[in-house]
Amino acid sequence: MSAPTLRPAELDEAALARLRQLEDRIGGPLVAYRPESPYAALSAEQLEEVRRTESELGVQLLAYRP
């Protein structure tokens, strides 16, 4: 089973400036990461079907991206 991973975020100049301002205010460095999830993005209907199946089978299901 794979858990979400973190990868360094690619920030534009405006985002970098904002990050630097925050670093100055808190007095220390920050590193920006973006989450990368292996899980599928399900519609509300798909999620409801997965939850219903979990309940019927008494298991927990994880939907992965193809």
C-alpha atoms as a PDB file:
ATOM      1  CA  MET A   1       0.000   0.000   0.000  1.00  0.00           C
ATOM      2  CA  SER A   2       1.311   3.439  -0.900  1.00  0.00           C
ATOM      3  CA  ALA A   3       0.783   6.508   1.224  1.00  0.00           C
ATOM      4  CA  PRO A   4       0.764  10.050  -0.106  1.00  0.00           C
ATOM      5  CA  THR A   5       4.265  11.373  -0.684  1.00  0.00           C
ATOM      6  CA  LEU A   6       5.668  14.866  -0.520  1.00  0.00           C
ATOM      7  CA  ARG A   7       7.727  16.453  -3.253  1.00  0.00           C
ATOM      8  CA  PRO A   8       9.334  19.897  -3.280  1.00  0.00           C
ATOM      9  CA  ALA A   9       6.874  22.464  -4.621  1.00  0.00           C
ATOM     10  CA  GLU A  10       7.686  24.571  -7.659  1.00  0.00           C
ATOM     11  CA  LEU A  11       6.833  28.139  -6.654  1.00  0.00           C
ATOM     12  CA  ASP A  12       6.598  31.213  -8.842  1.00  0.00           C
ATOM     13  CA  GLU A  13       8.305  34.473  -7.855  1.00  0.00           C
ATOM     14  CA  ALA A  14       5.227  35.813  -6.053  1.00  0.00           C
ATOM     15  CA  ALA A  15       4.902  32.657  -3.970  1.00  0.00           C
ATOM     16  CA  LEU A  16       8.632  32.675  -3.198  1.00  0.00           C
ATOM     17  CA  ALA A  17       8.414  36.306  -2.049  1.00  0.00           C
ATOM     18  CA  ARG A  18       5.501  35.454   0.230  1.00  0.00           C
ATOM     19  CA  LEU A  19       7.423  32.494   1.637  1.00  0.00           C
ATOM     20  CA  ARG A  20      10.482  34.675   2.304  1.00  0.00           C
ATOM     21  CA  GLN A  21       8.297  37.233   4.115  1.00  0.00           C
ATOM     22  CA  LEU A  22       6.908  34.501   6.328  1.00  0.00           C
ATOM     23  CA  GLU A  23      10.407  33.188   7.009  1.00  0.00           C
ATOM     24  CA  ASP A  24      11.405  36.683   8.138  1.00  0.00           C
ATOM     25  CA  ARG A  25       8.373  36.930  10.440  1.00  0.00           C
ATOM     26  CA  ILE A  26       8.886  33.546  12.077  1.00  0.00           C
ATOM     27  CA  GLY A  27      12.668  33.818  12.160  1.00  0.00           C
ATOM     28  CA  GLY A  28      13.521  30.598  10.377  1.00  0.00           C
ATOM     29  CA  PRO A  29      13.552  28.766   7.081  1.00  0.00           C
ATOM     30  CA  LEU A  30      10.559  27.069   5.498  1.00  0.00           C
ATOM     31  CA  VAL A  31      10.464  24.407   2.792  1.00  0.00           C
ATOM     32  CA  ALA A  32       7.429  24.168   0.509  1.00  0.00           C
ATOM     33  CA  TYR A  33       6.204  20.704  -0.422  1.00  0.00           C
ATOM     34  CA  ARG A  34       3.285  19.609  -2.511  1.00  0.00           C
ATOM     35  CA  PRO A  35       1.458  16.421  -1.652  1.00  0.00           C
ATOM     36  CA  GLU A  36       1.339  13.746  -4.321  1.00  0.00           C
ATOM     37  CA  SER A  37      -1.288  11.123  -3.724  1.00  0.00           C
ATOM     38  CA  PRO A  38      -1.530   7.711  -5.385  1.00  0.00           C
ATOM     39  CA  TYR A  39      -5.262   7.627  -4.581  1.00  0.00           C
ATOM     40  CA  ALA A  40      -7.998   8.110  -7.151  1.00  0.00           C
ATOM     41  CA  ALA A  41     -10.121  11.234  -7.177  1.00  0.00           C
ATOM     42  CA  LEU A  42     -13.649   9.833  -6.976  1.00  0.00           C
ATOM     43  CA  SER A  43     -16.925  11.538  -7.758  1.00  0.00           C
ATOM     44  CA  ALA A  44     -19.482  11.823  -4.950  1.00  0.00           C
ATOM     45  CA  GLU A  45     -21.417   8.924  -6.480  1.00  0.00           C
ATOM     46  CA  GLN A  46     -18.321   6.728  -6.747  1.00  0.00           C
ATOM     47  CA  LEU A  47     -17.321   7.523  -3.173  1.00  0.00           C
ATOM     48  CA  GLU A  48     -20.794   6.633  -1.936  1.00  0.00           C
ATOM     49  CA  GLU A  49     -20.614   3.300  -3.792  1.00  0.00           C
ATOM     50  CA  VAL A  50     -17.218   2.538  -2.243  1.00  0.00           C
ATOM     51  CA  ARG A  51     -18.535   3.387   1.241  1.00  0.00           C
ATOM     52  CA  ARG A  52     -21.620   1.248   0.712  1.00  0.00           C
ATOM     53  CA  THR A  53     -19.445  -1.686  -0.398  1.00  0.00           C
ATOM     54  CA  GLU A  54     -17.146  -1.169   2.622  1.00  0.00           C
ATOM     55  CA  SER A  55     -20.159  -1.342   4.902  1.00  0.00           C
ATOM     56  CA  GLU A  56     -21.562  -4.439   3.194  1.00  0.00           C
ATOM     57  CA  LEU A  57     -18.241  -6.302   3.258  1.00  0.00           C
ATOM     58  CA  GLY A  58     -16.940  -5.015   6.596  1.00  0.00           C
ATOM     59  CA  VAL A  59     -13.661  -3.867   5.051  1.00  0.00           C
ATOM     60  CA  GLN A  60     -11.865  -0.639   4.237  1.00  0.00           C
ATOM     61  CA  LEU A  61     -11.201   0.033   0.567  1.00  0.00           C
ATOM     62  CA  LEU A  62      -8.650   2.338  -1.083  1.00  0.00           C
ATOM     63  CA  ALA A  63      -9.106   3.477  -4.690  1.00  0.00           C
ATOM     64  CA  TYR A  64      -5.842   4.106  -6.564  1.00  0.00           C
ATOM     65  CA  ARG A  65      -5.226   6.127  -9.716  1.00  0.00           C
ATOM     66  CA  PRO A  66      -4.874   3.919 -12.771  1.00  0.00           C
END
